[in-house]
């Protein structure tokens, strides 16, 4: 192991790690010396993603909205590695529904994964996390920006941002840092779940570019590098923040 690896010897978990930002981050974690557990709901995708981590990762099939799944996940991590140093609570998603057309199912599905699932992902990890651990919550620029037909998703991400503030205080005595990362427009397979056609997704992405000062959308790896910063000792005095990685979109 080279001494300049930022996560050398660390044990990490990335939920929703089989594609997109989760997979990009898991790969970065592994390249920085961590052993990485990743979760996903689809076994085939999960196995393919775990292979990309070389020998430095394990896929555990798990739905964060299912608390029994979470218990099994943490039992596995405890048995195999005994502890958890870095948690990237990344699993989440959302589809479009304008006010007037929001169903109970849409609300429940989005909040069950993005808020309830994330809360219990973090809470159930705590017994495994030693002092000096780092928790990173995946929020979104929608925590502070309005987006048409995206109010339920945006509300979940505002909740995630709020969790980071409050949990920073709850975990103060344990010396565990909690930060939120807020990606901007970063096309991933998750965009296919928004209920749009490929053409509509591309149209949405193109329309957003005009509002991004850097003049382009981001890549999953660009988010991953920022998560590595928050996971590592490079950010040892960074706590309770929301780090926007959005090309300037939410800042101006």
Protein backbone atom coordinates (compact mmCIF):
# COMPACT_ATOMS: atom_id res chain seq x y z
CA UNK A 1 0.00 0.00 0.00
CA UNK A 2 1.34 3.40 -0.87
CA UNK A 3 1.39 5.84 1.99
CA UNK A 4 -0.34 8.54 -0.07
CA UNK A 5 -3.62 6.63 -0.24
CA UNK A 6 -6.25 8.70 1.53
CA UNK A 7 -8.32 5.82 2.92
CA UNK A 8 -5.62 3.23 3.54
CA UNK A 9 -6.92 0.43 5.76
CA UNK A 10 -10.40 1.94 6.12
CA UNK A 11 -13.61 -0.09 5.92
CA UNK A 12 -16.31 1.72 3.93
CA UNK A 13 -19.94 1.21 2.94
CA UNK A 14 -21.64 2.78 -0.07
CA UNK A 15 -25.39 2.21 -0.29
CA UNK A 16 -26.80 2.24 -3.80
CA UNK A 17 -23.33 1.31 -5.00
CA UNK A 18 -24.11 -0.69 -8.13
CA UNK A 19 -24.25 2.24 -10.56
CA UNK A 20 -23.89 5.99 -10.99
CA UNK A 21 -22.45 8.12 -8.20
CA UNK A 22 -22.43 5.19 -5.77
CA UNK A 23 -20.32 2.95 -8.00
CA UNK A 24 -17.98 5.80 -8.98
CA UNK A 25 -17.44 6.55 -5.29
CA UNK A 26 -16.92 2.90 -4.35
CA UNK A 27 -14.24 2.65 -7.05
CA UNK A 28 -12.52 5.80 -5.77
CA UNK A 29 -12.69 4.51 -2.18
CA UNK A 30 -11.07 1.22 -3.26
CA UNK A 31 -8.35 3.01 -5.26
CA UNK A 32 -7.58 5.07 -2.14
CA UNK A 33 -6.98 1.92 -0.08
CA UNK A 34 -10.38 1.23 1.49
CA UNK A 35 -12.21 -2.08 1.60
CA UNK A 36 -15.68 -1.27 0.29
CA UNK A 37 -19.06 -2.87 0.86
CA UNK A 38 -21.67 -1.86 -1.70
CA UNK A 39 -25.41 -2.46 -1.67
CA UNK A 40 -28.03 -2.54 -4.36
CA UNK A 41 -31.40 -4.16 -4.95
CA UNK A 42 -30.55 -5.99 -8.19
CA UNK A 43 -28.23 -8.97 -7.74
CA UNK A 44 -26.80 -9.11 -11.28
CA UNK A 45 -25.92 -5.41 -11.33
CA UNK A 46 -24.47 -5.66 -7.84
CA UNK A 47 -22.20 -8.58 -8.74
CA UNK A 48 -20.96 -6.78 -11.85
CA UNK A 49 -20.23 -3.65 -9.78
CA UNK A 50 -18.42 -5.64 -7.07
CA UNK A 51 -16.15 -7.12 -9.76
CA UNK A 52 -15.10 -3.58 -10.73
CA UNK A 53 -13.70 -3.14 -7.21
CA UNK A 54 -11.19 -5.91 -7.83
CA UNK A 55 -10.52 -7.75 -4.60
CA UNK A 56 -11.28 -4.67 -2.54
CA UNK A 57 -15.04 -4.95 -2.22
CA UNK A 58 -18.10 -7.03 -1.52
CA UNK A 59 -21.64 -6.63 -2.81
CA UNK A 60 -24.48 -7.22 -0.34
CA UNK A 61 -27.99 -7.27 -1.76
CA UNK A 62 -30.00 -4.83 0.32
CA UNK A 63 -32.87 -2.37 0.01
CA UNK A 64 -32.35 0.51 2.44
CA UNK A 65 -36.12 0.88 2.80
CA UNK A 66 -36.20 -2.65 4.30
CA UNK A 67 -34.95 -2.57 7.89
CA UNK A 68 -34.43 -6.35 8.05
CA UNK A 69 -32.16 -6.01 4.98
CA UNK A 70 -30.17 -3.32 6.83
CA UNK A 71 -29.76 -5.56 9.88
CA UNK A 72 -28.45 -8.36 7.66
CA UNK A 73 -26.09 -5.94 5.92
CA UNK A 74 -24.52 -4.75 9.17
CA UNK A 75 -24.31 -8.31 10.51
CA UNK A 76 -22.30 -9.15 7.39
CA UNK A 77 -19.96 -6.17 7.81
CA UNK A 78 -19.51 -6.95 11.51
CA UNK A 79 -18.68 -10.60 10.84
CA UNK A 80 -16.30 -9.87 7.95
CA UNK A 81 -14.51 -6.72 9.12
CA UNK A 82 -15.67 -5.92 12.66
CA UNK A 83 -16.10 -2.20 12.12
CA UNK A 84 -17.04 0.57 9.70
CA UNK A 85 -14.97 3.75 9.26
CA UNK A 86 -16.74 5.46 6.38
CA UNK A 87 -20.42 5.45 5.47
CA UNK A 88 -21.67 7.04 2.24
CA UNK A 89 -25.48 6.98 2.53
CA UNK A 90 -26.07 7.34 -1.18
CA UNK A 91 -29.10 5.18 -2.04
CA UNK A 92 -31.99 7.29 -3.23
CA UNK A 93 -33.96 8.45 -6.19
CA UNK A 94 -37.10 10.13 -7.32
CA UNK A 95 -39.52 10.59 -10.17
CA UNK A 96 -41.42 13.59 -11.46
CA UNK A 97 -44.90 14.52 -10.22
CA UNK A 98 -46.27 18.07 -10.27
CA UNK A 99 -48.44 19.33 -7.42
CA UNK A 100 -51.97 18.23 -8.21
CA UNK A 101 -50.76 14.84 -9.44
CA UNK A 102 -48.82 13.57 -6.42
CA UNK A 103 -50.02 10.16 -5.26
CA UNK A 104 -49.65 8.52 -1.86
CA UNK A 105 -47.51 5.86 -3.52
CA UNK A 106 -45.17 8.48 -5.03
CA UNK A 107 -44.77 10.22 -1.68
CA UNK A 108 -44.29 7.02 0.34
CA UNK A 109 -41.82 5.45 -2.08
CA UNK A 110 -39.65 8.56 -2.25
CA UNK A 111 -39.62 9.26 1.49
CA UNK A 112 -39.20 5.57 2.43
CA UNK A 113 -35.93 5.35 0.51
CA UNK A 114 -34.50 8.86 0.69
CA UNK A 115 -35.43 9.79 4.28
CA UNK A 116 -36.55 6.78 6.32
CA UNK A 117 -34.09 4.42 4.64
CA UNK A 118 -31.21 6.86 4.97
CA UNK A 119 -31.99 7.52 8.64
CA UNK A 120 -31.93 3.83 9.55
CA UNK A 121 -28.90 3.20 7.32
CA UNK A 122 -27.00 5.64 9.52
CA UNK A 123 -28.54 4.71 12.87
CA UNK A 124 -27.94 0.98 12.43
CA UNK A 125 -24.32 1.62 11.37
CA UNK A 126 -23.42 3.47 14.56
CA UNK A 127 -22.54 0.45 16.73
CA UNK A 128 -19.81 -0.42 14.19
CA UNK A 129 -18.35 3.08 13.86
CA UNK A 130 -15.28 4.05 15.92
CA UNK A 131 -14.29 7.61 16.91
CA UNK A 132 -12.90 9.48 13.91
CA UNK A 133 -15.35 7.87 11.49
CA UNK A 134 -16.94 9.87 8.69
CA UNK A 135 -20.56 9.80 7.52
CA UNK A 136 -21.45 11.39 4.18
CA UNK A 137 -25.09 11.87 3.19
CA UNK A 138 -26.00 12.25 -0.47
CA UNK A 139 -28.29 15.27 -0.70
CA UNK A 140 -28.82 17.38 -3.85
CA UNK A 141 -28.90 20.97 -5.03
CA UNK A 142 -32.67 20.49 -4.87
CA UNK A 143 -32.27 20.99 -1.10
CA UNK A 144 -32.12 24.72 -1.84
CA UNK A 145 -33.39 25.10 -5.42
CA UNK A 146 -36.86 24.71 -6.85
CA UNK A 147 -37.46 22.32 -9.74
CA UNK A 148 -40.81 21.90 -11.51
CA UNK A 149 -42.64 18.63 -10.70
CA UNK A 150 -39.89 17.59 -8.31
CA UNK A 151 -41.22 18.81 -4.96
CA UNK A 152 -41.38 15.46 -3.16
CA UNK A 153 -37.84 14.48 -4.10
CA UNK A 154 -36.61 17.98 -3.24
CA UNK A 155 -38.30 17.81 0.17
CA UNK A 156 -36.50 14.53 0.91
CA UNK A 157 -33.16 16.14 0.11
CA UNK A 158 -33.92 19.13 2.34
CA UNK A 159 -34.57 16.56 5.09
CA UNK A 160 -31.22 14.91 4.38
CA UNK A 161 -29.46 18.25 4.68
CA UNK A 162 -31.22 18.83 8.00
CA UNK A 163 -30.14 15.39 9.23
CA UNK A 164 -26.50 16.34 8.66
CA UNK A 165 -26.84 19.42 10.88
CA UNK A 166 -28.58 17.60 13.70
CA UNK A 167 -26.57 14.37 13.64
CA UNK A 168 -23.34 16.37 13.78
CA UNK A 169 -24.49 17.38 17.26
CA UNK A 170 -25.87 13.96 18.22
CA UNK A 171 -22.51 12.35 17.38
CA UNK A 172 -20.35 15.11 18.83
CA UNK A 173 -19.24 13.07 21.84
CA UNK A 174 -18.34 10.14 19.60
CA UNK A 175 -16.10 12.29 17.36
CA UNK A 176 -17.93 11.13 14.25
CA UNK A 177 -18.20 13.72 11.48
CA UNK A 178 -21.36 14.08 9.39
CA UNK A 179 -21.43 16.02 6.12
CA UNK A 180 -23.75 16.25 3.13
CA UNK A 181 -22.69 16.26 -0.50
CA UNK A 182 -25.05 18.01 -2.91
CA UNK A 183 -24.50 17.08 -6.55
CA UNK A 184 -25.83 19.21 -9.35
CA UNK A 185 -26.89 17.83 -12.72
CA UNK A 186 -24.99 14.55 -13.10
CA UNK A 187 -26.54 12.17 -15.62
CA UNK A 188 -26.57 8.61 -14.25
CA UNK A 189 -28.75 5.52 -14.74
CA UNK A 190 -30.90 6.97 -11.94
CA UNK A 191 -32.22 9.53 -14.42
CA UNK A 192 -33.89 6.68 -16.29
CA UNK A 193 -36.13 6.17 -13.24
CA UNK A 194 -37.64 9.66 -13.46
CA UNK A 195 -40.48 8.40 -15.64
CA UNK A 196 -39.20 10.05 -18.83
CA UNK A 197 -38.18 8.75 -22.24
CA UNK A 198 -34.50 8.84 -23.23
CA UNK A 199 -35.25 11.88 -25.41
CA UNK A 200 -37.01 13.66 -22.53
CA UNK A 201 -34.08 12.94 -20.19
CA UNK A 202 -31.67 14.37 -22.78
CA UNK A 203 -33.93 17.40 -23.21
CA UNK A 204 -33.97 17.95 -19.44
CA UNK A 205 -30.18 17.68 -19.23
CA UNK A 206 -29.68 20.05 -22.18
CA UNK A 207 -32.05 22.59 -20.63
CA UNK A 208 -30.08 22.53 -17.38
CA UNK A 209 -26.71 23.20 -19.01
CA UNK A 210 -27.75 26.80 -19.72
CA UNK A 211 -28.05 27.40 -15.96
CA UNK A 212 -24.63 25.93 -15.03
CA UNK A 213 -21.78 28.47 -14.93
CA UNK A 214 -19.24 25.85 -16.04
CA UNK A 215 -21.40 25.26 -19.10
CA UNK A 216 -21.68 21.49 -18.75
CA UNK A 217 -23.12 18.78 -16.55
CA UNK A 218 -20.99 16.83 -14.07
CA UNK A 219 -19.76 13.25 -14.05
CA UNK A 220 -20.20 10.65 -11.30
CA UNK A 221 -16.42 10.59 -10.78
CA UNK A 222 -16.38 14.33 -10.09
CA UNK A 223 -18.84 13.76 -7.26
CA UNK A 224 -16.85 10.73 -6.07
CA UNK A 225 -13.66 12.76 -5.67
CA UNK A 226 -15.49 15.22 -3.44
CA UNK A 227 -16.90 12.35 -1.35
CA UNK A 228 -13.37 10.99 -0.92
CA UNK A 229 -12.37 14.38 0.48
CA UNK A 230 -15.21 14.27 3.04
CA UNK A 231 -14.44 10.63 3.89
CA UNK A 232 -10.73 11.18 4.46
CA UNK A 233 -8.61 12.96 7.06
CA UNK A 234 -8.11 15.75 4.50
CA UNK A 235 -11.45 17.04 5.83
CA UNK A 236 -10.70 16.41 9.52
CA UNK A 237 -12.01 19.87 10.51
CA UNK A 238 -14.98 19.82 8.12
CA UNK A 239 -18.22 18.95 9.90
CA UNK A 240 -21.93 19.55 9.33
CA UNK A 241 -21.47 21.13 5.91
CA UNK A 242 -23.29 20.84 2.63
CA UNK A 243 -20.69 20.63 -0.14
CA UNK A 244 -22.16 21.64 -3.48
CA UNK A 245 -20.54 19.92 -6.46
CA UNK A 246 -22.61 21.49 -9.17
CA UNK A 247 -20.51 23.62 -11.49
CA UNK A 248 -21.80 26.68 -9.66
CA UNK A 249 -25.47 26.09 -10.49
CA UNK A 250 -26.89 26.59 -7.00
CA UNK A 251 -24.47 29.33 -6.02
CA UNK A 252 -25.31 32.21 -8.30
